[in-house]
Amino acid sequence: MSQRRVEVGPDGYDYEVRPVAGSRATKTYRCPGCDHEIRAGVAHVVVWPADAGESAVDDRRHWHTPCWANRMTRNPTRKWS
């Protein structure tokens, strides 16, 4: 079972956060925090608005773990909508 959790973002909204192990990361994504690639095999987190529900695939964003942890000190390079 995943270690899913809910966190409050700097915008005051709740976000579901799910860690992805490097062994389960099979695609390349672009981190909205730094706009760099998250390559296959790199551990990271998947984040989406909590009110969107788990099935809201279009609302999910893949972040480098440090970028998500430091999101309060920087603005995302990409918007959710």
PDB file of N, CA and C in Angstrom:
ATOM      1  N   MET A   1       0.851  -1.185   0.000  1.00  0.00           N
ATOM      2  CA  MET A   1       0.000   0.000   0.000  1.00  0.00           C
ATOM      3  C   MET A   1       0.892   1.242   0.000  1.00  0.00           C
ATOM      4  N   SER A   2       0.471   2.266  -0.702  1.00  0.00           N
ATOM      5  CA  SER A   2       1.271   3.485  -0.798  1.00  0.00           C
ATOM      6  C   SER A   2       1.184   4.307   0.484  1.00  0.00           C
ATOM      7  N   GLN A   3       2.073   5.237   0.629  1.00  0.00           N
ATOM      8  CA  GLN A   3       2.122   6.110   1.806  1.00  0.00           C
ATOM      9  C   GLN A   3       1.454   7.439   1.483  1.00  0.00           C
ATOM     10  N   ARG A   4       0.265   7.386   0.969  1.00  0.00           N
ATOM     11  CA  ARG A   4      -0.459   8.582   0.577  1.00  0.00           C
ATOM     12  C   ARG A   4      -0.744   9.443   1.796  1.00  0.00           C
ATOM     13  N   ARG A   5      -0.681  10.735   1.595  1.00  0.00           N
ATOM     14  CA  ARG A   5      -0.972  11.661   2.690  1.00  0.00           C
ATOM     15  C   ARG A   5      -1.615  12.923   2.101  1.00  0.00           C
ATOM     16  N   VAL A   6      -2.218  13.710   2.954  1.00  0.00           N
ATOM     17  CA  VAL A   6      -2.803  14.987   2.542  1.00  0.00           C
ATOM     18  C   VAL A   6      -1.965  16.093   3.164  1.00  0.00           C
ATOM     19  N   GLU A   7      -1.589  17.068   2.345  1.00  0.00           N
ATOM     20  CA  GLU A   7      -0.827  18.227   2.823  1.00  0.00           C
ATOM     21  C   GLU A   7      -1.532  19.500   2.392  1.00  0.00           C
ATOM     22  N   VAL A   8      -1.387  20.537   3.181  1.00  0.00           N
ATOM     23  CA  VAL A   8      -1.928  21.843   2.831  1.00  0.00           C
ATOM     24  C   VAL A   8      -0.862  22.595   2.052  1.00  0.00           C
ATOM     25  N   GLY A   9      -1.224  23.067   0.869  1.00  0.00           N
ATOM     26  CA  GLY A   9      -0.294  23.823   0.036  1.00  0.00           C
ATOM     27  C   GLY A   9      -0.211  25.267   0.461  1.00  0.00           C
ATOM     28  N   PRO A  10       0.770  26.003  -0.087  1.00  0.00           N
ATOM     29  CA  PRO A  10       0.911  27.416   0.254  1.00  0.00           C
ATOM     30  C   PRO A  10      -0.293  28.254  -0.186  1.00  0.00           C
ATOM     31  N   ASP A  11      -1.094  27.698  -1.098  1.00  0.00           N
ATOM     32  CA  ASP A  11      -2.296  28.387  -1.550  1.00  0.00           C
ATOM     33  C   ASP A  11      -3.500  28.114  -0.650  1.00  0.00           C
ATOM     34  N   GLY A  12      -3.294  27.295   0.411  1.00  0.00           N
ATOM     35  CA  GLY A  12      -4.364  26.991   1.348  1.00  0.00           C
ATOM     36  C   GLY A  12      -5.212  25.792   0.968  1.00  0.00           C
ATOM     37  N   TYR A  13      -4.986  25.203  -0.195  1.00  0.00           N
ATOM     38  CA  TYR A  13      -5.742  24.028  -0.631  1.00  0.00           C
ATOM     39  C   TYR A  13      -5.065  22.750  -0.156  1.00  0.00           C
ATOM     40  N   ASP A  14      -5.859  21.696  -0.001  1.00  0.00           N
ATOM     41  CA  ASP A  14      -5.339  20.389   0.383  1.00  0.00           C
ATOM     42  C   ASP A  14      -4.904  19.627  -0.865  1.00  0.00           C
ATOM     43  N   TYR A  15      -3.780  18.910  -0.750  1.00  0.00           N
ATOM     44  CA  TYR A  15      -3.252  18.112  -1.847  1.00  0.00           C
ATOM     45  C   TYR A  15      -2.964  16.694  -1.376  1.00  0.00           C
ATOM     46  N   GLU A  16      -3.356  15.722  -2.194  1.00  0.00           N
ATOM     47  CA  GLU A  16      -2.964  14.333  -1.978  1.00  0.00           C
ATOM     48  C   GLU A  16      -1.529  14.216  -2.469  1.00  0.00           C
ATOM     49  N   VAL A  17      -0.690  13.571  -1.697  1.00  0.00           N
ATOM     50  CA  VAL A  17       0.721  13.386  -2.057  1.00  0.00           C
ATOM     51  C   VAL A  17       1.032  11.897  -1.948  1.00  0.00           C
ATOM     52  N   ARG A  18       1.568  11.330  -3.029  1.00  0.00           N
ATOM     53  CA  ARG A  18       1.906   9.908  -3.028  1.00  0.00           C
ATOM     54  C   ARG A  18       3.343   9.730  -3.503  1.00  0.00           C
ATOM     55  N   PRO A  19       4.194   9.137  -2.673  1.00  0.00           N
ATOM     56  CA  PRO A  19       5.569   8.870  -3.113  1.00  0.00           C
ATOM     57  C   PRO A  19       5.590   7.775  -4.177  1.00  0.00           C
ATOM     58  N   VAL A  20       6.495   7.927  -5.136  1.00  0.00           N
ATOM     59  CA  VAL A  20       6.701   6.916  -6.174  1.00  0.00           C
ATOM     60  C   VAL A  20       8.138   6.434  -6.050  1.00  0.00           C
ATOM     61  N   ALA A  21       8.314   5.146  -5.816  1.00  0.00           N
ATOM     62  CA  ALA A  21       9.664   4.573  -5.713  1.00  0.00           C
ATOM     63  C   ALA A  21      10.315   4.584  -7.093  1.00  0.00           C
ATOM     64  N   GLY A  22      11.618   4.703  -7.118  1.00  0.00           N
ATOM     65  CA  GLY A  22      12.341   4.693  -8.382  1.00  0.00           C
ATOM     66  C   GLY A  22      12.060   3.449  -9.206  1.00  0.00           C
ATOM     67  N   SER A  23      11.894   2.325  -8.553  1.00  0.00           N
ATOM     68  CA  SER A  23      11.624   1.074  -9.262  1.00  0.00           C
ATOM     69  C   SER A  23      10.242   1.064  -9.925  1.00  0.00           C
ATOM     70  N   ARG A  24       9.352   1.954  -9.485  1.00  0.00           N
ATOM     71  CA  ARG A  24       8.003   2.032 -10.071  1.00  0.00           C
ATOM     72  C   ARG A  24       7.858   3.190 -11.032  1.00  0.00           C
ATOM     73  N   ALA A  25       8.872   4.038 -11.129  1.00  0.00           N
ATOM     74  CA  ALA A  25       8.835   5.201 -12.025  1.00  0.00           C
ATOM     75  C   ALA A  25       9.278   4.754 -13.414  1.00  0.00           C
ATOM     76  N   THR A  26       8.326   4.570 -14.314  1.00  0.00           N
ATOM     77  CA  THR A  26       8.634   3.994 -15.621  1.00  0.00           C
ATOM     78  C   THR A  26       8.567   4.987 -16.771  1.00  0.00           C
ATOM     79  N   LYS A  27       8.154   6.211 -16.502  1.00  0.00           N
ATOM     80  CA  LYS A  27       8.039   7.238 -17.542  1.00  0.00           C
ATOM     81  C   LYS A  27       8.865   8.458 -17.157  1.00  0.00           C
ATOM     82  N   THR A  28       9.059   9.334 -18.118  1.00  0.00           N
ATOM     83  CA  THR A  28       9.696  10.631 -17.864  1.00  0.00           C
ATOM     84  C   THR A  28       8.596  11.674 -17.732  1.00  0.00           C
ATOM     85  N   TYR A  29       8.708  12.513 -16.703  1.00  0.00           N
ATOM     86  CA  TYR A  29       7.756  13.593 -16.464  1.00  0.00           C
ATOM     87  C   TYR A  29       8.510  14.907 -16.355  1.00  0.00           C
ATOM     88  N   ARG A  30       7.785  16.021 -16.386  1.00  0.00           N
ATOM     89  CA  ARG A  30       8.384  17.337 -16.187  1.00  0.00           C
ATOM     90  C   ARG A  30       7.889  17.886 -14.863  1.00  0.00           C
ATOM     91  N   CYS A  31       8.820  18.213 -13.976  1.00  0.00           N
ATOM     92  CA  CYS A  31       8.493  18.729 -12.651  1.00  0.00           C
ATOM     93  C   CYS A  31       7.984  20.171 -12.770  1.00  0.00           C
ATOM     94  N   PRO A  32       6.802  20.470 -12.220  1.00  0.00           N
ATOM     95  CA  PRO A  32       6.300  21.843 -12.273  1.00  0.00           C
ATOM     96  C   PRO A  32       7.051  22.792 -11.341  1.00  0.00           C
ATOM     97  N   GLY A  33       7.842  22.260 -10.435  1.00  0.00           N
ATOM     98  CA  GLY A  33       8.585  23.109  -9.505  1.00  0.00           C
ATOM     99  C   GLY A  33       9.838  23.700 -10.117  1.00  0.00           C
ATOM    100  N   CYS A  34      10.544  22.896 -10.923  1.00  0.00           N
ATOM    101  CA  CYS A  34      11.815  23.361 -11.489  1.00  0.00           C
ATOM    102  C   CYS A  34      11.832  23.326 -13.013  1.00  0.00           C
ATOM    103  N   ASP A  35      10.815  22.736 -13.617  1.00  0.00           N
ATOM    104  CA  ASP A  35      10.689  22.584 -15.066  1.00  0.00           C
ATOM    105  C   ASP A  35      11.771  21.688 -15.665  1.00  0.00           C
ATOM    106  N   HIS A  36      12.385  20.829 -14.855  1.00  0.00           N
ATOM    107  CA  HIS A  36      13.344  19.838 -15.345  1.00  0.00           C
ATOM    108  C   HIS A  36      12.663  18.472 -15.401  1.00  0.00           C
ATOM    109  N   GLU A  37      13.261  17.584 -16.173  1.00  0.00           N
ATOM    110  CA  GLU A  37      12.706  16.242 -16.297  1.00  0.00           C
ATOM    111  C   GLU A  37      12.894  15.414 -15.026  1.00  0.00           C
ATOM    112  N   ILE A  38      11.908  14.578 -14.762  1.00  0.00           N
ATOM    113  CA  ILE A  38      12.028  13.511 -13.780  1.00  0.00           C
ATOM    114  C   ILE A  38      12.128  12.251 -14.639  1.00  0.00           C
ATOM    115  N   ARG A  39      13.291  11.692 -14.742  1.00  0.00           N
ATOM    116  CA  ARG A  39      13.513  10.557 -15.633  1.00  0.00           C
ATOM    117  C   ARG A  39      13.012   9.254 -15.028  1.00  0.00           C
ATOM    118  N   ALA A  40      12.766   8.302 -15.881  1.00  0.00           N
ATOM    119  CA  ALA A  40      12.362   6.971 -15.441  1.00  0.00           C
ATOM    120  C   ALA A  40      13.408   6.442 -14.470  1.00  0.00           C
ATOM    121  N   GLY A  41      12.953   5.799 -13.412  1.00  0.00           N
ATOM    122  CA  GLY A  41      13.850   5.242 -12.412  1.00  0.00           C
ATOM    123  C   GLY A  41      14.177   6.171 -11.268  1.00  0.00           C
ATOM    124  N   VAL A  42      13.679   7.419 -11.321  1.00  0.00           N
ATOM    125  CA  VAL A  42      13.954   8.402 -10.259  1.00  0.00           C
ATOM    126  C   VAL A  42      12.754   8.482  -9.318  1.00  0.00           C
ATOM    127  N   ALA A  43      13.000   8.286  -8.031  1.00  0.00           N
ATOM    128  CA  ALA A  43      11.935   8.413  -7.033  1.00  0.00           C
ATOM    129  C   ALA A  43      11.427   9.854  -7.006  1.00  0.00           C
ATOM    130  N   HIS A  44      10.131  10.027  -6.809  1.00  0.00           N
ATOM    131  CA  HIS A  44       9.526  11.366  -6.786  1.00  0.00           C
ATOM    132  C   HIS A  44       8.165  11.267  -6.105  1.00  0.00           C
ATOM    133  N   VAL A  45       7.390  12.330  -6.139  1.00  0.00           N
ATOM    134  CA  VAL A  45       6.035  12.309  -5.587  1.00  0.00           C
ATOM    135  C   VAL A  45       5.035  12.692  -6.671  1.00  0.00           C
ATOM    136  N   VAL A  46       3.838  12.125  -6.564  1.00  0.00           N
ATOM    137  CA  VAL A  46       2.715  12.507  -7.412  1.00  0.00           C
ATOM    138  C   VAL A  46       1.759  13.283  -6.530  1.00  0.00           C
ATOM    139  N   VAL A  47       1.300  14.429  -7.023  1.00  0.00           N
ATOM    140  CA  VAL A  47       0.482  15.341  -6.226  1.00  0.00           C
ATOM    141  C   VAL A  47      -0.751  15.743  -7.035  1.00  0.00           C
ATOM    142  N   TRP A  48      -1.904  15.835  -6.358  1.00  0.00           N
ATOM    143  CA  TRP A  48      -3.101  16.328  -7.017  1.00  0.00           C
ATOM    144  C   TRP A  48      -3.999  16.959  -5.978  1.00  0.00           C
ATOM    145  N   PRO A  49      -4.887  17.886  -6.398  1.00  0.00           N
ATOM    146  CA  PRO A  49      -5.805  18.503  -5.442  1.00  0.00           C
ATOM    147  C   PRO A  49      -6.666  17.444  -4.774  1.00  0.00           C
ATOM    148  N   ALA A  50      -6.759  17.498  -3.457  1.00  0.00           N
ATOM    149  CA  ALA A  50      -7.489  16.477  -2.691  1.00  0.00           C
ATOM    150  C   ALA A  50      -8.950  16.419  -3.084  1.00  0.00           C
ATOM    151  N   ASP A  51      -9.540  17.539  -3.437  1.00  0.00           N
ATOM    152  CA  ASP A  51     -10.958  17.543  -3.781  1.00  0.00           C
ATOM    153  C   ASP A  51     -11.227  16.995  -5.183  1.00  0.00           C
ATOM    154  N   ALA A  52     -10.169  16.723  -5.955  1.00  0.00           N
ATOM    155  CA  ALA A  52     -10.352  16.190  -7.307  1.00  0.00           C
ATOM    156  C   ALA A  52     -10.632  14.698  -7.301  1.00  0.00           C
ATOM    157  N   GLY A  53     -10.288  14.016  -6.218  1.00  0.00           N
ATOM    158  CA  GLY A  53     -10.483  12.576  -6.144  1.00  0.00           C
ATOM    159  C   GLY A  53      -9.332  11.838  -6.806  1.00  0.00           C
ATOM    160  N   GLU A  54      -9.138  10.606  -6.405  1.00  0.00           N
ATOM    161  CA  GLU A  54      -7.995   9.829  -6.882  1.00  0.00           C
ATOM    162  C   GLU A  54      -8.075   9.521  -8.372  1.00  0.00           C
ATOM    163  N   SER A  55      -9.254   9.483  -8.938  1.00  0.00           N
ATOM    164  CA  SER A  55      -9.394   9.139 -10.348  1.00  0.00           C
ATOM    165  C   SER A  55      -9.148  10.327 -11.284  1.00  0.00           C
ATOM    166  N   ALA A  56      -8.871  11.502 -10.749  1.00  0.00           N
ATOM    167  CA  ALA A  56      -8.658  12.701 -11.561  1.00  0.00           C
ATOM    168  C   ALA A  56      -7.239  12.716 -12.126  1.00  0.00           C
ATOM    169  N   VAL A  57      -6.981  11.848 -13.084  1.00  0.00           N
ATOM    170  CA  VAL A  57      -5.633  11.681 -13.646  1.00  0.00           C
ATOM    171  C   VAL A  57      -5.112  12.979 -14.256  1.00  0.00           C
ATOM    172  N   ASP A  58      -5.979  13.761 -14.882  1.00  0.00           N
ATOM    173  CA  ASP A  58      -5.540  15.003 -15.519  1.00  0.00           C
ATOM    174  C   ASP A  58      -5.043  16.045 -14.522  1.00  0.00           C
ATOM    175  N   ASP A  59      -5.430  15.902 -13.261  1.00  0.00           N
ATOM    176  CA  ASP A  59      -5.024  16.861 -12.235  1.00  0.00           C
ATOM    177  C   ASP A  59      -3.730  16.471 -11.528  1.00  0.00           C
ATOM    178  N   ARG A  60      -3.187  15.305 -11.822  1.00  0.00           N
ATOM    179  CA  ARG A  60      -1.968  14.837 -11.146  1.00  0.00           C
ATOM    180  C   ARG A  60      -0.727  15.504 -11.733  1.00  0.00           C
ATOM    181  N   ARG A  61       0.202  15.810 -10.837  1.00  0.00           N
ATOM    182  CA  ARG A  61       1.492  16.371 -11.250  1.00  0.00           C
ATOM    183  C   ARG A  61       2.593  15.575 -10.564  1.00  0.00           C
ATOM    184  N   HIS A  62       3.639  15.299 -11.306  1.00  0.00           N
ATOM    185  CA  HIS A  62       4.799  14.575 -10.779  1.00  0.00           C
ATOM    186  C   HIS A  62       5.868  15.610 -10.429  1.00  0.00           C
ATOM    187  N   TRP A  63       6.299  15.614  -9.184  1.00  0.00           N
ATOM    188  CA  TRP A  63       7.280  16.576  -8.676  1.00  0.00           C
ATOM    189  C   TRP A  63       8.520  15.829  -8.194  1.00  0.00           C
ATOM    190  N   HIS A  64       9.693  16.451  -8.369  1.00  0.00           N
ATOM    191  CA  HIS A  64      10.862  15.971  -7.637  1.00  0.00           C
ATOM    192  C   HIS A  64      10.513  16.134  -6.153  1.00  0.00           C
ATOM    193  N   THR A  65      10.912  15.204  -5.337  1.00  0.00           N
ATOM    194  CA  THR A  65      10.602  15.274  -3.908  1.00  0.00           C
ATOM    195  C   THR A  65      11.123  16.564  -3.274  1.00  0.00           C
ATOM    196  N   PRO A  66      12.389  16.987  -3.548  1.00  0.00           N
ATOM    197  CA  PRO A  66      12.853  18.256  -2.950  1.00  0.00           C
ATOM    198  C   PRO A  66      12.098  19.481  -3.471  1.00  0.00           C
ATOM    199  N   CYS A  67      11.679  19.456  -4.729  1.00  0.00           N
ATOM    200  CA  CYS A  67      10.917  20.591  -5.269  1.00  0.00           C
ATOM    201  C   CYS A  67       9.575  20.724  -4.551  1.00  0.00           C
ATOM    202  N   TRP A  68       8.916  19.581  -4.305  1.00  0.00           N
ATOM    203  CA  TRP A  68       7.648  19.622  -3.568  1.00  0.00           C
ATOM    204  C   TRP A  68       7.884  20.104  -2.137  1.00  0.00           C
ATOM    205  N   ALA A  69       8.936  19.606  -1.501  1.00  0.00           N
ATOM    206  CA  ALA A  69       9.227  19.978  -0.112  1.00  0.00           C
ATOM    207  C   ALA A  69       9.543  21.463   0.020  1.00  0.00           C
ATOM    208  N   ASN A  70      10.099  22.058  -1.027  1.00  0.00           N
ATOM    209  CA  ASN A  70      10.500  23.474  -0.988  1.00  0.00           C
ATOM    210  C   ASN A  70       9.566  24.375  -1.786  1.00  0.00           C
ATOM    211  N   ARG A  71       8.368  23.908  -2.072  1.00  0.00           N
ATOM    212  CA  ARG A  71       7.453  24.670  -2.923  1.00  0.00           C
ATOM    213  C   ARG A  71       7.041  26.004  -2.323  1.00  0.00           C
ATOM    214  N   MET A  72       7.151  26.149  -1.002  1.00  0.00           N
ATOM    215  CA  MET A  72       6.754  27.410  -0.371  1.00  0.00           C
ATOM    216  C   MET A  72       7.770  28.522  -0.620  1.00  0.00           C
ATOM    217  N   THR A  73       8.968  28.163  -1.040  1.00  0.00           N
ATOM    218  CA  THR A  73       9.992  29.182  -1.269  1.00  0.00           C
ATOM    219  C   THR A  73      10.146  29.519  -2.744  1.00  0.00           C
ATOM    220  N   ARG A  74       9.325  28.901  -3.592  1.00  0.00           N
ATOM    221  CA  ARG A  74       9.396  29.177  -5.020  1.00  0.00           C
ATOM    222  C   ARG A  74       8.028  29.005  -5.630  1.00  0.00           C
ATOM    223  N   ASN A  75       7.794  29.631  -6.758  1.00  0.00           N
ATOM    224  CA  ASN A  75       6.538  29.474  -7.472  1.00  0.00           C
ATOM    225  C   ASN A  75       6.665  28.329  -8.468  1.00  0.00           C
ATOM    226  N   PRO A  76       5.585  27.556  -8.671  1.00  0.00           N
ATOM    227  CA  PRO A  76       5.642  26.528  -9.695  1.00  0.00           C
ATOM    228  C   PRO A  76       5.857  27.167 -11.074  1.00  0.00           C
ATOM    229  N   THR A  77       6.544  26.447 -11.936  1.00  0.00           N
ATOM    230  CA  THR A  77       6.765  26.961 -13.294  1.00  0.00           C
ATOM    231  C   THR A  77       5.587  26.661 -14.189  1.00  0.00           C
ATOM    232  N   ARG A  78       4.714  25.739 -13.750  1.00  0.00           N
ATOM    233  CA  ARG A  78       3.521  25.392 -14.516  1.00  0.00           C
ATOM    234  C   ARG A  78       2.309  25.441 -13.599  1.00  0.00           C
ATOM    235  N   LYS A  79       1.176  25.822 -14.152  1.00  0.00           N
ATOM    236  CA  LYS A  79      -0.044  25.919 -13.368  1.00  0.00           C
ATOM    237  C   LYS A  79      -0.855  24.638 -13.465  1.00  0.00           C
ATOM    238  N   TRP A  80      -1.709  24.418 -12.484  1.00  0.00           N
ATOM    239  CA  TRP A  80      -2.532  23.214 -12.488  1.00  0.00           C
ATOM    240  C   TRP A  80      -3.522  23.252 -13.632  1.00  0.00           C
ATOM    241  N   SER A  81      -4.108  24.395 -13.887  1.00  0.00           N
ATOM    242  CA  SER A  81      -5.134  24.438 -14.932  1.00  0.00           C
ATOM    243  C   SER A  81      -4.640  25.139 -16.169  1.00  0.00           C
TER     244      SER A  81
END
